[in-house]
Amino acid sequence: MYSIKVDMPRFSCHIDDELKAIYHSKDTVCIWVFKTKVDRNRFVDETARMVKVERENYFSENFG
């Protein structure tokens, strides 16, 4: 396990973990928040193997 201390916005800590999708690369951590668990699961399934920019575009087009 790795623990990196950051100053997270307080509101993000109160969001149900099942509504978040978290991805990381060597220099970025992205947290997407969804209205439903179904939406979150669809996003995870359909963006598997996409790079960050593709995931961002997919999110904007389908959930933004």
PDB file of N, CA and C in Angstrom:
ATOM      1  N   MET A   1       0.839  -1.165   0.000  1.00  0.00           N
ATOM      2  CA  MET A   1       0.000   0.000   0.000  1.00  0.00           C
ATOM      3  C   MET A   1       0.888   1.234   0.000  1.00  0.00           C
ATOM      4  N   TYR A   2       0.471   2.216  -0.751  1.00  0.00           N
ATOM      5  CA  TYR A   2       1.149   3.507  -0.757  1.00  0.00           C
ATOM      6  C   TYR A   2       0.182   4.543  -0.223  1.00  0.00           C
ATOM      7  N   SER A   3       0.683   5.425   0.576  1.00  0.00           N
ATOM      8  CA  SER A   3      -0.123   6.503   1.132  1.00  0.00           C
ATOM      9  C   SER A   3       0.578   7.812   0.830  1.00  0.00           C
ATOM     10  N   ILE A   4      -0.107   8.672   0.088  1.00  0.00           N
ATOM     11  CA  ILE A   4       0.460   9.956  -0.283  1.00  0.00           C
ATOM     12  C   ILE A   4      -0.409  11.039   0.341  1.00  0.00           C
ATOM     13  N   LYS A   5       0.171  11.839   1.179  1.00  0.00           N
ATOM     14  CA  LYS A   5      -0.584  12.877   1.873  1.00  0.00           C
ATOM     15  C   LYS A   5      -0.912  14.015   0.907  1.00  0.00           C
ATOM     16  N   VAL A   6      -2.191  14.322   0.792  1.00  0.00           N
ATOM     17  CA  VAL A   6      -2.655  15.429  -0.051  1.00  0.00           C
ATOM     18  C   VAL A   6      -3.747  16.189   0.688  1.00  0.00           C
ATOM     19  N   ASP A   7      -4.008  17.373   0.249  1.00  0.00           N
ATOM     20  CA  ASP A   7      -5.067  18.190   0.825  1.00  0.00           C
ATOM     21  C   ASP A   7      -6.318  18.029  -0.042  1.00  0.00           C
ATOM     22  N   MET A   8      -7.092  16.981   0.221  1.00  0.00           N
ATOM     23  CA  MET A   8      -8.299  16.682  -0.559  1.00  0.00           C
ATOM     24  C   MET A   8      -9.433  17.619  -0.149  1.00  0.00           C
ATOM     25  N   PRO A   9     -10.245  18.037  -1.124  1.00  0.00           N
ATOM     26  CA  PRO A   9     -11.426  18.820  -0.764  1.00  0.00           C
ATOM     27  C   PRO A   9     -12.322  18.001   0.161  1.00  0.00           C
ATOM     28  N   ARG A  10     -12.822  18.616   1.192  1.00  0.00           N
ATOM     29  CA  ARG A  10     -13.607  17.915   2.214  1.00  0.00           C
ATOM     30  C   ARG A  10     -14.838  17.212   1.643  1.00  0.00           C
ATOM     31  N   PHE A  11     -15.501  17.853   0.678  1.00  0.00           N
ATOM     32  CA  PHE A  11     -16.719  17.258   0.114  1.00  0.00           C
ATOM     33  C   PHE A  11     -16.448  15.899  -0.521  1.00  0.00           C
ATOM     34  N   SER A  12     -15.252  15.696  -1.080  1.00  0.00           N
ATOM     35  CA  SER A  12     -14.973  14.430  -1.755  1.00  0.00           C
ATOM     36  C   SER A  12     -14.899  13.261  -0.781  1.00  0.00           C
ATOM     37  N   CYS A  13     -14.617  13.545   0.474  1.00  0.00           N
ATOM     38  CA  CYS A  13     -14.536  12.482   1.474  1.00  0.00           C
ATOM     39  C   CYS A  13     -15.917  11.976   1.891  1.00  0.00           C
ATOM     40  N   HIS A  14     -16.940  12.755   1.619  1.00  0.00           N
ATOM     41  CA  HIS A  14     -18.292  12.378   2.019  1.00  0.00           C
ATOM     42  C   HIS A  14     -19.065  11.677   0.908  1.00  0.00           C
ATOM     43  N   ILE A  15     -18.457  11.520  -0.251  1.00  0.00           N
ATOM     44  CA  ILE A  15     -19.105  10.847  -1.374  1.00  0.00           C
ATOM     45  C   ILE A  15     -18.887   9.348  -1.237  1.00  0.00           C
ATOM     46  N   ASP A  16     -19.940   8.584  -1.408  1.00  0.00           N
ATOM     47  CA  ASP A  16     -19.882   7.125  -1.333  1.00  0.00           C
ATOM     48  C   ASP A  16     -18.811   6.602  -2.289  1.00  0.00           C
ATOM     49  N   ASP A  17     -17.930   5.756  -1.806  1.00  0.00           N
ATOM     50  CA  ASP A  17     -16.856   5.211  -2.637  1.00  0.00           C
ATOM     51  C   ASP A  17     -17.374   4.453  -3.851  1.00  0.00           C
ATOM     52  N   GLU A  18     -18.571   3.876  -3.756  1.00  0.00           N
ATOM     53  CA  GLU A  18     -19.126   3.135  -4.886  1.00  0.00           C
ATOM     54  C   GLU A  18     -19.543   4.052  -6.026  1.00  0.00           C
ATOM     55  N   LEU A  19     -19.520   5.356  -5.805  1.00  0.00           N
ATOM     56  CA  LEU A  19     -19.860   6.312  -6.853  1.00  0.00           C
ATOM     57  C   LEU A  19     -18.619   6.961  -7.467  1.00  0.00           C
ATOM     58  N   LYS A  20     -17.440   6.525  -7.043  1.00  0.00           N
ATOM     59  CA  LYS A  20     -16.189   7.096  -7.537  1.00  0.00           C
ATOM     60  C   LYS A  20     -15.442   6.088  -8.399  1.00  0.00           C
ATOM     61  N   ALA A  21     -14.811   6.599  -9.450  1.00  0.00           N
ATOM     62  CA  ALA A  21     -13.873   5.811 -10.244  1.00  0.00           C
ATOM     63  C   ALA A  21     -12.533   6.527 -10.117  1.00  0.00           C
ATOM     64  N   ILE A  22     -11.509   5.815  -9.747  1.00  0.00           N
ATOM     65  CA  ILE A  22     -10.204   6.413  -9.508  1.00  0.00           C
ATOM     66  C   ILE A  22      -9.176   5.773 -10.432  1.00  0.00           C
ATOM     67  N   TYR A  23      -8.471   6.614 -11.153  1.00  0.00           N
ATOM     68  CA  TYR A  23      -7.404   6.164 -12.037  1.00  0.00           C
ATOM     69  C   TYR A  23      -6.163   6.967 -11.728  1.00  0.00           C
ATOM     70  N   HIS A  24      -5.003   6.391 -12.017  1.00  0.00           N
ATOM     71  CA  HIS A  24      -3.761   7.119 -11.792  1.00  0.00           C
ATOM     72  C   HIS A  24      -2.768   6.794 -12.889  1.00  0.00           C
ATOM     73  N   SER A  25      -1.853   7.712 -13.072  1.00  0.00           N
ATOM     74  CA  SER A  25      -0.711   7.491 -13.949  1.00  0.00           C
ATOM     75  C   SER A  25       0.531   7.862 -13.149  1.00  0.00           C
ATOM     76  N   LYS A  26       1.643   7.998 -13.806  1.00  0.00           N
ATOM     77  CA  LYS A  26       2.871   8.287 -13.060  1.00  0.00           C
ATOM     78  C   LYS A  26       2.870   9.675 -12.430  1.00  0.00           C
ATOM     79  N   ASP A  27       2.017  10.588 -12.927  1.00  0.00           N
ATOM     80  CA  ASP A  27       2.039  11.947 -12.394  1.00  0.00           C
ATOM     81  C   ASP A  27       0.660  12.546 -12.093  1.00  0.00           C
ATOM     82  N   THR A  28      -0.393  11.734 -12.184  1.00  0.00           N
ATOM     83  CA  THR A  28      -1.749  12.252 -12.016  1.00  0.00           C
ATOM     84  C   THR A  28      -2.648  11.233 -11.331  1.00  0.00           C
ATOM     85  N   VAL A  29      -3.559  11.739 -10.508  1.00  0.00           N
ATOM     86  CA  VAL A  29      -4.637  10.919  -9.957  1.00  0.00           C
ATOM     87  C   VAL A  29      -5.942  11.587 -10.370  1.00  0.00           C
ATOM     88  N   CYS A  30      -6.853  10.817 -10.953  1.00  0.00           N
ATOM     89  CA  CYS A  30      -8.148  11.333 -11.396  1.00  0.00           C
ATOM     90  C   CYS A  30      -9.256  10.632 -10.617  1.00  0.00           C
ATOM     91  N   ILE A  31     -10.201  11.406 -10.146  1.00  0.00           N
ATOM     92  CA  ILE A  31     -11.362  10.855  -9.450  1.00  0.00           C
ATOM     93  C   ILE A  31     -12.610  11.344 -10.171  1.00  0.00           C
ATOM     94  N   TRP A  32     -13.352  10.413 -10.756  1.00  0.00           N
ATOM     95  CA  TRP A  32     -14.609  10.744 -11.398  1.00  0.00           C
ATOM     96  C   TRP A  32     -15.727  10.360 -10.441  1.00  0.00           C
ATOM     97  N   VAL A  33     -16.751  11.203 -10.352  1.00  0.00           N
ATOM     98  CA  VAL A  33     -17.873  10.957  -9.444  1.00  0.00           C
ATOM     99  C   VAL A  33     -19.151  10.822 -10.280  1.00  0.00           C
ATOM    100  N   PHE A  34     -19.947   9.810  -9.950  1.00  0.00           N
ATOM    101  CA  PHE A  34     -21.150   9.487 -10.718  1.00  0.00           C
ATOM    102  C   PHE A  34     -22.396   9.582  -9.854  1.00  0.00           C
ATOM    103  N   LYS A  35     -23.545   9.708 -10.515  1.00  0.00           N
ATOM    104  CA  LYS A  35     -24.824   9.794  -9.802  1.00  0.00           C
ATOM    105  C   LYS A  35     -25.274   8.428  -9.301  1.00  0.00           C
ATOM    106  N   THR A  36     -24.946   7.375 -10.059  1.00  0.00           N
ATOM    107  CA  THR A  36     -25.378   6.034  -9.669  1.00  0.00           C
ATOM    108  C   THR A  36     -24.220   5.043  -9.792  1.00  0.00           C
ATOM    109  N   LYS A  37     -24.344   3.942  -9.075  1.00  0.00           N
ATOM    110  CA  LYS A  37     -23.360   2.869  -9.156  1.00  0.00           C
ATOM    111  C   LYS A  37     -23.366   2.238 -10.554  1.00  0.00           C
ATOM    112  N   VAL A  38     -24.531   2.180 -11.178  1.00  0.00           N
ATOM    113  CA  VAL A  38     -24.647   1.641 -12.543  1.00  0.00           C
ATOM    114  C   VAL A  38     -23.819   2.485 -13.513  1.00  0.00           C
ATOM    115  N   ASP A  39     -23.935   3.824 -13.398  1.00  0.00           N
ATOM    116  CA  ASP A  39     -23.141   4.716 -14.250  1.00  0.00           C
ATOM    117  C   ASP A  39     -21.659   4.513 -14.013  1.00  0.00           C
ATOM    118  N   ARG A  40     -21.261   4.413 -12.757  1.00  0.00           N
ATOM    119  CA  ARG A  40     -19.850   4.211 -12.424  1.00  0.00           C
ATOM    120  C   ARG A  40     -19.329   2.905 -13.006  1.00  0.00           C
ATOM    121  N   ASN A  41     -20.094   1.838 -12.853  1.00  0.00           N
ATOM    122  CA  ASN A  41     -19.668   0.543 -13.376  1.00  0.00           C
ATOM    123  C   ASN A  41     -19.584   0.546 -14.896  1.00  0.00           C
ATOM    124  N   ARG A  42     -20.535   1.221 -15.548  1.00  0.00           N
ATOM    125  CA  ARG A  42     -20.506   1.333 -17.009  1.00  0.00           C
ATOM    126  C   ARG A  42     -19.244   2.077 -17.450  1.00  0.00           C
ATOM    127  N   PHE A  43     -18.927   3.169 -16.783  1.00  0.00           N
ATOM    128  CA  PHE A  43     -17.730   3.938 -17.093  1.00  0.00           C
ATOM    129  C   PHE A  43     -16.476   3.074 -16.946  1.00  0.00           C
ATOM    130  N   VAL A  44     -16.370   2.371 -15.845  1.00  0.00           N
ATOM    131  CA  VAL A  44     -15.195   1.520 -15.603  1.00  0.00           C
ATOM    132  C   VAL A  44     -15.085   0.454 -16.688  1.00  0.00           C
ATOM    133  N   ASP A  45     -16.186  -0.211 -17.000  1.00  0.00           N
ATOM    134  CA  ASP A  45     -16.161  -1.275 -18.011  1.00  0.00           C
ATOM    135  C   ASP A  45     -15.814  -0.742 -19.398  1.00  0.00           C
ATOM    136  N   GLU A  46     -16.414   0.397 -19.768  1.00  0.00           N
ATOM    137  CA  GLU A  46     -16.255   0.893 -21.127  1.00  0.00           C
ATOM    138  C   GLU A  46     -14.973   1.698 -21.343  1.00  0.00           C
ATOM    139  N   THR A  47     -14.290   2.081 -20.280  1.00  0.00           N
ATOM    140  CA  THR A  47     -13.046   2.840 -20.455  1.00  0.00           C
ATOM    141  C   THR A  47     -11.807   2.023 -20.114  1.00  0.00           C
ATOM    142  N   ALA A  48     -11.990   0.743 -19.892  1.00  0.00           N
ATOM    143  CA  ALA A  48     -10.836  -0.120 -19.624  1.00  0.00           C
ATOM    144  C   ALA A  48      -9.848  -0.010 -20.781  1.00  0.00           C
ATOM    145  N   ARG A  49      -8.591   0.112 -20.459  1.00  0.00           N
ATOM    146  CA  ARG A  49      -7.492   0.206 -21.421  1.00  0.00           C
ATOM    147  C   ARG A  49      -7.446   1.532 -22.183  1.00  0.00           C
ATOM    148  N   MET A  50      -8.273   2.505 -21.802  1.00  0.00           N
ATOM    149  CA  MET A  50      -8.170   3.842 -22.407  1.00  0.00           C
ATOM    150  C   MET A  50      -7.113   4.647 -21.659  1.00  0.00           C
ATOM    151  N   VAL A  51      -6.513   5.595 -22.350  1.00  0.00           N
ATOM    152  CA  VAL A  51      -5.601   6.523 -21.694  1.00  0.00           C
ATOM    153  C   VAL A  51      -6.421   7.659 -21.090  1.00  0.00           C
ATOM    154  N   LYS A  52      -5.776   8.464 -20.255  1.00  0.00           N
ATOM    155  CA  LYS A  52      -6.465   9.512 -19.488  1.00  0.00           C
ATOM    156  C   LYS A  52      -7.309  10.432 -20.368  1.00  0.00           C
ATOM    157  N   VAL A  53      -6.765  10.915 -21.459  1.00  0.00           N
ATOM    158  CA  VAL A  53      -7.489  11.849 -22.326  1.00  0.00           C
ATOM    159  C   VAL A  53      -8.743  11.192 -22.902  1.00  0.00           C
ATOM    160  N   GLU A  54      -8.640   9.934 -23.287  1.00  0.00           N
ATOM    161  CA  GLU A  54      -9.808   9.219 -23.813  1.00  0.00           C
ATOM    162  C   GLU A  54     -10.875   9.067 -22.733  1.00  0.00           C
ATOM    163  N   ARG A  55     -10.465   8.762 -21.490  1.00  0.00           N
ATOM    164  CA  ARG A  55     -11.426   8.650 -20.385  1.00  0.00           C
ATOM    165  C   ARG A  55     -12.103   9.988 -20.114  1.00  0.00           C
ATOM    166  N   GLU A  56     -11.313  11.070 -20.116  1.00  0.00           N
ATOM    167  CA  GLU A  56     -11.882  12.397 -19.896  1.00  0.00           C
ATOM    168  C   GLU A  56     -12.922  12.728 -20.959  1.00  0.00           C
ATOM    169  N   ASN A  57     -12.603  12.446 -22.215  1.00  0.00           N
ATOM    170  CA  ASN A  57     -13.551  12.706 -23.304  1.00  0.00           C
ATOM    171  C   ASN A  57     -14.800  11.842 -23.163  1.00  0.00           C
ATOM    172  N   TYR A  58     -14.608  10.577 -22.832  1.00  0.00           N
ATOM    173  CA  TYR A  58     -15.751   9.669 -22.655  1.00  0.00           C
ATOM    174  C   TYR A  58     -16.659  10.183 -21.531  1.00  0.00           C
ATOM    175  N   PHE A  59     -16.055  10.589 -20.425  1.00  0.00           N
ATOM    176  CA  PHE A  59     -16.838  11.109 -19.308  1.00  0.00           C
ATOM    177  C   PHE A  59     -17.624  12.346 -19.737  1.00  0.00           C
ATOM    178  N   SER A  60     -16.960  13.291 -20.392  1.00  0.00           N
ATOM    179  CA  SER A  60     -17.625  14.521 -20.826  1.00  0.00           C
ATOM    180  C   SER A  60     -18.782  14.244 -21.782  1.00  0.00           C
ATOM    181  N   GLU A  61     -18.588  13.329 -22.696  1.00  0.00           N
ATOM    182  CA  GLU A  61     -19.611  13.015 -23.690  1.00  0.00           C
ATOM    183  C   GLU A  61     -20.800  12.244 -23.095  1.00  0.00           C
ATOM    184  N   ASN A  62     -20.555  11.442 -22.079  1.00  0.00           N
ATOM    185  CA  ASN A  62     -21.598  10.553 -21.573  1.00  0.00           C
ATOM    186  C   ASN A  62     -22.153  10.937 -20.205  1.00  0.00           C
ATOM    187  N   PHE A  63     -21.411  11.700 -19.416  1.00  0.00           N
ATOM    188  CA  PHE A  63     -21.846  11.991 -18.058  1.00  0.00           C
ATOM    189  C   PHE A  63     -21.740  13.467 -17.700  1.00  0.00           C
ATOM    190  N   GLY A  64     -21.082  14.266 -18.517  1.00  0.00           N
ATOM    191  CA  GLY A  64     -20.808  15.657 -18.190  1.00  0.00           C
ATOM    192  C   GLY A  64     -21.921  16.618 -18.464  1.00  0.00           C
TER     193      GLY A  64
END
